[in-house]
């Protein structure tokens, strides 16, 4: 595996490596998506990250979505919705 490949850690088997999306040169003026995994403090972590990225890097707007339960994958519809609305996204790892 090369550094530009990631492995999908979900329970479903995947026959192919998933390449990360291209990274923007800057976050200035971008819409940031935050995906809360519903674990303890995940929302606090994301709120802090969102505020820091707005302040330090000029993120224009933050969109937050929440998974139904930490042990379940986010539904494809939620991921698709977030992908349509945002330029970059961060998933919480509270716990």
Protein backbone atom coordinates (compact mmCIF):
# COMPACT_ATOMS: atom_id res chain seq x y z
CA UNK A 1 0.00 0.00 0.00
CA UNK A 2 1.25 3.47 -0.82
CA UNK A 3 0.69 6.61 1.30
CA UNK A 4 -1.98 7.87 -1.13
CA UNK A 5 -4.19 4.82 -0.56
CA UNK A 6 -6.49 4.15 2.38
CA UNK A 7 -8.28 1.06 3.54
CA UNK A 8 -12.00 1.20 4.28
CA UNK A 9 -12.23 0.11 7.96
CA UNK A 10 -15.94 -0.72 7.77
CA UNK A 11 -17.30 -4.22 8.14
CA UNK A 12 -17.97 -4.63 4.45
CA UNK A 13 -15.27 -6.25 2.38
CA UNK A 14 -13.72 -4.15 -0.35
CA UNK A 15 -11.77 -5.61 -3.24
CA UNK A 16 -10.16 -2.31 -4.13
CA UNK A 17 -8.19 0.40 -2.38
CA UNK A 18 -9.97 3.74 -2.04
CA UNK A 19 -7.96 6.78 -3.03
CA UNK A 20 -8.48 9.95 -0.97
CA UNK A 21 -10.10 12.89 -2.74
CA UNK A 22 -7.77 15.62 -3.99
CA UNK A 23 -6.87 18.10 -1.27
CA UNK A 24 -7.53 21.82 -1.83
CA UNK A 25 -4.61 24.23 -1.84
CA UNK A 26 -6.35 26.31 0.84
CA UNK A 27 -9.39 26.14 3.11
CA UNK A 28 -10.14 29.85 2.70
CA UNK A 29 -13.69 30.31 1.47
CA UNK A 30 -14.44 26.57 1.56
CA UNK A 31 -17.44 24.83 3.10
CA UNK A 32 -16.35 22.36 5.77
CA UNK A 33 -18.38 19.24 6.52
CA UNK A 34 -18.20 17.64 9.97
CA UNK A 35 -19.50 14.10 10.51
CA UNK A 36 -20.28 13.34 14.15
CA UNK A 37 -19.92 9.63 14.91
CA UNK A 38 -22.12 9.96 18.06
CA UNK A 39 -19.36 8.82 20.42
CA UNK A 40 -18.80 10.70 23.65
CA UNK A 41 -17.21 14.13 23.08
CA UNK A 42 -17.25 13.67 19.28
CA UNK A 43 -19.48 16.73 18.93
CA UNK A 44 -17.16 18.77 21.16
CA UNK A 45 -14.11 17.71 19.15
CA UNK A 46 -15.81 18.63 15.88
CA UNK A 47 -17.06 21.98 17.17
CA UNK A 48 -13.52 22.82 18.27
CA UNK A 49 -12.05 21.76 14.93
CA UNK A 50 -14.66 23.75 13.01
CA UNK A 51 -14.03 26.91 15.04
CA UNK A 52 -10.24 26.58 14.68
CA UNK A 53 -10.44 26.06 10.92
CA UNK A 54 -12.74 29.07 10.52
CA UNK A 55 -10.44 31.25 12.62
CA UNK A 56 -7.06 30.06 11.36
CA UNK A 57 -7.77 29.06 7.77
CA UNK A 58 -10.75 31.12 6.66
CA UNK A 59 -13.35 28.35 6.29
CA UNK A 60 -16.49 30.13 5.09
CA UNK A 61 -19.19 27.84 6.45
CA UNK A 62 -19.49 24.65 8.51
CA UNK A 63 -22.10 21.93 7.89
CA UNK A 64 -22.50 19.31 10.63
CA UNK A 65 -24.21 15.96 10.22
CA UNK A 66 -24.56 13.13 12.74
CA UNK A 67 -24.55 9.37 12.24
CA UNK A 68 -27.43 7.40 13.74
CA UNK A 69 -25.14 5.31 15.95
CA UNK A 70 -21.38 4.95 16.33
CA UNK A 71 -21.46 1.23 15.57
CA UNK A 72 -23.27 1.71 12.26
CA UNK A 73 -21.87 3.06 9.04
CA UNK A 74 -23.20 6.38 7.89
CA UNK A 75 -25.82 5.66 5.23
CA UNK A 76 -24.76 6.28 1.65
CA UNK A 77 -27.49 8.93 1.41
CA UNK A 78 -25.88 10.90 4.26
CA UNK A 79 -22.42 10.64 2.70
CA UNK A 80 -23.81 11.68 -0.70
CA UNK A 81 -25.64 14.65 0.85
CA UNK A 82 -22.50 15.81 2.63
CA UNK A 83 -20.42 15.36 -0.53
CA UNK A 84 -22.84 17.60 -2.48
CA UNK A 85 -22.82 20.33 0.18
CA UNK A 86 -19.18 20.63 1.23
CA UNK A 87 -15.70 21.09 -0.20
CA UNK A 88 -13.86 19.18 2.55
CA UNK A 89 -15.00 16.91 5.38
CA UNK A 90 -13.79 15.70 8.78
CA UNK A 91 -15.17 12.65 10.61
CA UNK A 92 -15.17 12.63 14.43
CA UNK A 93 -13.38 10.00 16.45
CA UNK A 94 -14.79 10.71 19.91
CA UNK A 95 -14.82 7.97 22.41
